[in-house]
Protein backbone atom coordinates (compact mmCIF):
# COMPACT_ATOMS: atom_id res chain seq x y z
CA MET A 1 -41.34 77.52 -38.45
CA LYS A 2 -42.13 78.72 -34.97
CA THR A 3 -41.98 76.24 -32.13
CA HIS A 4 -43.34 76.59 -28.65
CA PHE A 5 -41.24 75.31 -25.83
CA ARG A 6 -41.88 75.23 -22.14
CA PHE A 7 -39.24 74.25 -19.63
CA THR A 8 -40.35 73.76 -16.03
CA LEU A 9 -38.02 72.92 -13.16
CA HIS A 10 -39.70 71.67 -10.07
CA GLU A 11 -38.08 72.53 -6.76
CA PRO A 12 -36.79 69.00 -5.98
CA VAL A 13 -35.15 68.81 -9.41
CA LEU A 14 -33.61 72.26 -9.00
CA ARG A 15 -32.32 71.26 -5.55
CA ASP A 16 -30.74 68.13 -7.05
CA LEU A 17 -29.07 70.22 -9.75
CA ALA A 18 -27.73 72.77 -7.26
CA SER A 19 -26.29 70.05 -5.04
CA SER A 20 -24.74 67.88 -7.75
CA PRO A 21 -20.99 67.31 -8.14
CA ALA A 22 -21.20 69.06 -11.52
CA ALA A 23 -22.56 72.20 -9.82
CA GLU A 24 -19.65 72.07 -7.38
CA ARG A 25 -17.16 71.87 -10.25
CA LEU A 26 -18.85 74.78 -12.05
CA ALA A 27 -18.85 76.94 -8.91
CA LEU A 28 -15.20 76.14 -8.24
CA ARG A 29 -14.25 76.96 -11.83
CA ALA A 30 -16.06 80.32 -11.69
CA ALA A 31 -14.39 81.20 -8.38
CA SER A 32 -11.02 80.16 -9.80
CA GLU A 33 -11.47 82.54 -12.74
CA VAL A 34 -12.24 85.45 -10.41
CA ALA A 35 -9.28 84.62 -8.15
CA ALA A 36 -6.92 84.30 -11.13
CA ILE A 37 -7.87 87.74 -12.43
CA ALA A 38 -7.54 89.22 -8.93
CA ARG A 39 -4.08 87.68 -8.54
CA GLN A 40 -3.07 88.99 -11.96
CA GLU A 41 -4.19 92.53 -11.17
CA ALA A 42 -2.96 92.48 -7.59
CA PRO A 43 -0.73 95.32 -6.48
CA LYS A 44 2.92 94.39 -6.23
CA ASN A 45 5.58 96.12 -4.23
CA ARG A 46 9.36 95.98 -4.48
CA GLN A 47 9.96 94.44 -1.08
CA SER A 48 10.25 90.77 -0.19
CA SER A 49 6.47 90.53 0.15
CA TRP A 50 5.79 91.39 -3.50
CA ASN A 51 3.20 88.64 -3.86
CA MET A 52 1.53 88.97 -0.46
CA TYR A 53 -1.85 89.73 -2.03
CA SER A 54 -1.74 86.70 -4.32
CA ARG A 55 -0.69 84.30 -1.58
CA SER A 56 -3.45 85.48 0.72
CA ILE A 57 -6.38 84.57 -1.51
CA SER A 58 -7.88 81.09 -1.24
CA ILE A 59 -10.85 79.36 -2.85
CA ASP A 60 -13.21 76.96 -1.12
CA THR A 61 -16.61 75.38 -1.66
CA PHE A 62 -19.19 74.56 0.96
CA ARG A 63 -22.74 73.27 1.12
CA ASP A 64 -25.60 75.10 2.78
CA GLU A 65 -28.82 73.11 2.96
CA GLY A 66 -27.58 71.00 0.08
CA THR A 67 -26.75 73.90 -2.25
CA VAL A 68 -23.13 74.28 -3.31
CA HIS A 69 -21.47 77.68 -2.81
CA ALA A 70 -17.98 78.77 -3.88
CA VAL A 71 -16.14 81.28 -1.72
CA ILE A 72 -13.06 83.39 -2.37
CA GLN A 73 -11.48 84.02 1.01
CA ALA A 74 -9.04 86.83 1.56
CA ASP A 75 -6.79 87.33 4.57
CA ARG A 76 -6.21 90.66 6.26
CA HIS A 77 -3.80 92.11 3.69
CA PRO A 78 -6.06 91.73 0.62
CA LEU A 79 -9.01 93.07 2.58
CA LEU A 80 -7.05 96.19 3.49
CA VAL A 81 -6.07 96.64 -0.15
CA GLU A 82 -9.67 96.00 -1.23
CA TYR A 83 -11.46 98.37 1.15
CA GLY A 84 -8.76 100.81 2.20
CA TRP A 85 -7.30 101.72 5.59
CA ARG A 86 -6.08 104.54 7.80
CA ASP A 87 -2.42 104.76 8.67
CA LYS A 88 -1.02 105.73 12.08
CA ALA A 89 -1.11 109.41 11.15
CA GLY A 90 -4.84 109.11 10.42
CA ARG A 91 -4.58 109.53 6.66
CA ARG A 92 -7.13 107.57 4.66
CA HIS A 93 -5.82 105.28 1.92
CA PRO A 94 -8.63 104.39 -0.49
CA GLY A 95 -9.25 100.81 -1.49
CA ARG A 96 -8.24 99.48 -4.87
CA HIS A 97 -11.21 97.11 -5.21
CA VAL A 98 -9.22 94.39 -6.97
CA LEU A 99 -11.60 91.54 -6.07
CA LYS A 100 -14.63 93.57 -7.09
CA GLY A 101 -13.02 94.45 -10.42
CA ALA A 102 -12.17 90.79 -11.05
CA LEU A 103 -15.75 89.77 -10.30
CA LEU A 104 -17.09 92.40 -12.66
CA LYS A 105 -14.73 91.30 -15.45
CA VAL A 106 -15.87 87.68 -15.16
CA ARG A 107 -19.50 88.74 -15.01
CA GLU A 108 -19.18 90.83 -18.19
CA ALA A 109 -17.47 88.05 -20.15
C-alpha cells in the first residue's frame, strides 16, 4: 500500500532545531569523530614530540546567529603537515592532508 507523506519545516522551526542543545551535542560528536580519526592517522616521529600533531588539535562549538557550529582547530604544526611547507633550502614538502582524509572517511561512513 502506497502512502503519501509530506514533511514541511518552516524557517522558525528549523532555526529552533539548529540552535537546540541536541544539535550542539550532535555537532560535537561529529567533530569528535573526525578529530579522533585524524589523531589516529597523524604522522609520528621518533623524537620527544612524537604526538605533537595529536596534541595540537582541539574541538570547539560556537553559535552564529543562533545556529550551532562545531570547529576542529589546528595549531601551526598540524596545518604545516596538512598543507605542506618549504624548508630553509627552498624545497617543497607536500601536505599529507590528514584532516581532509579524516573528514572524508566520516562523510563516507
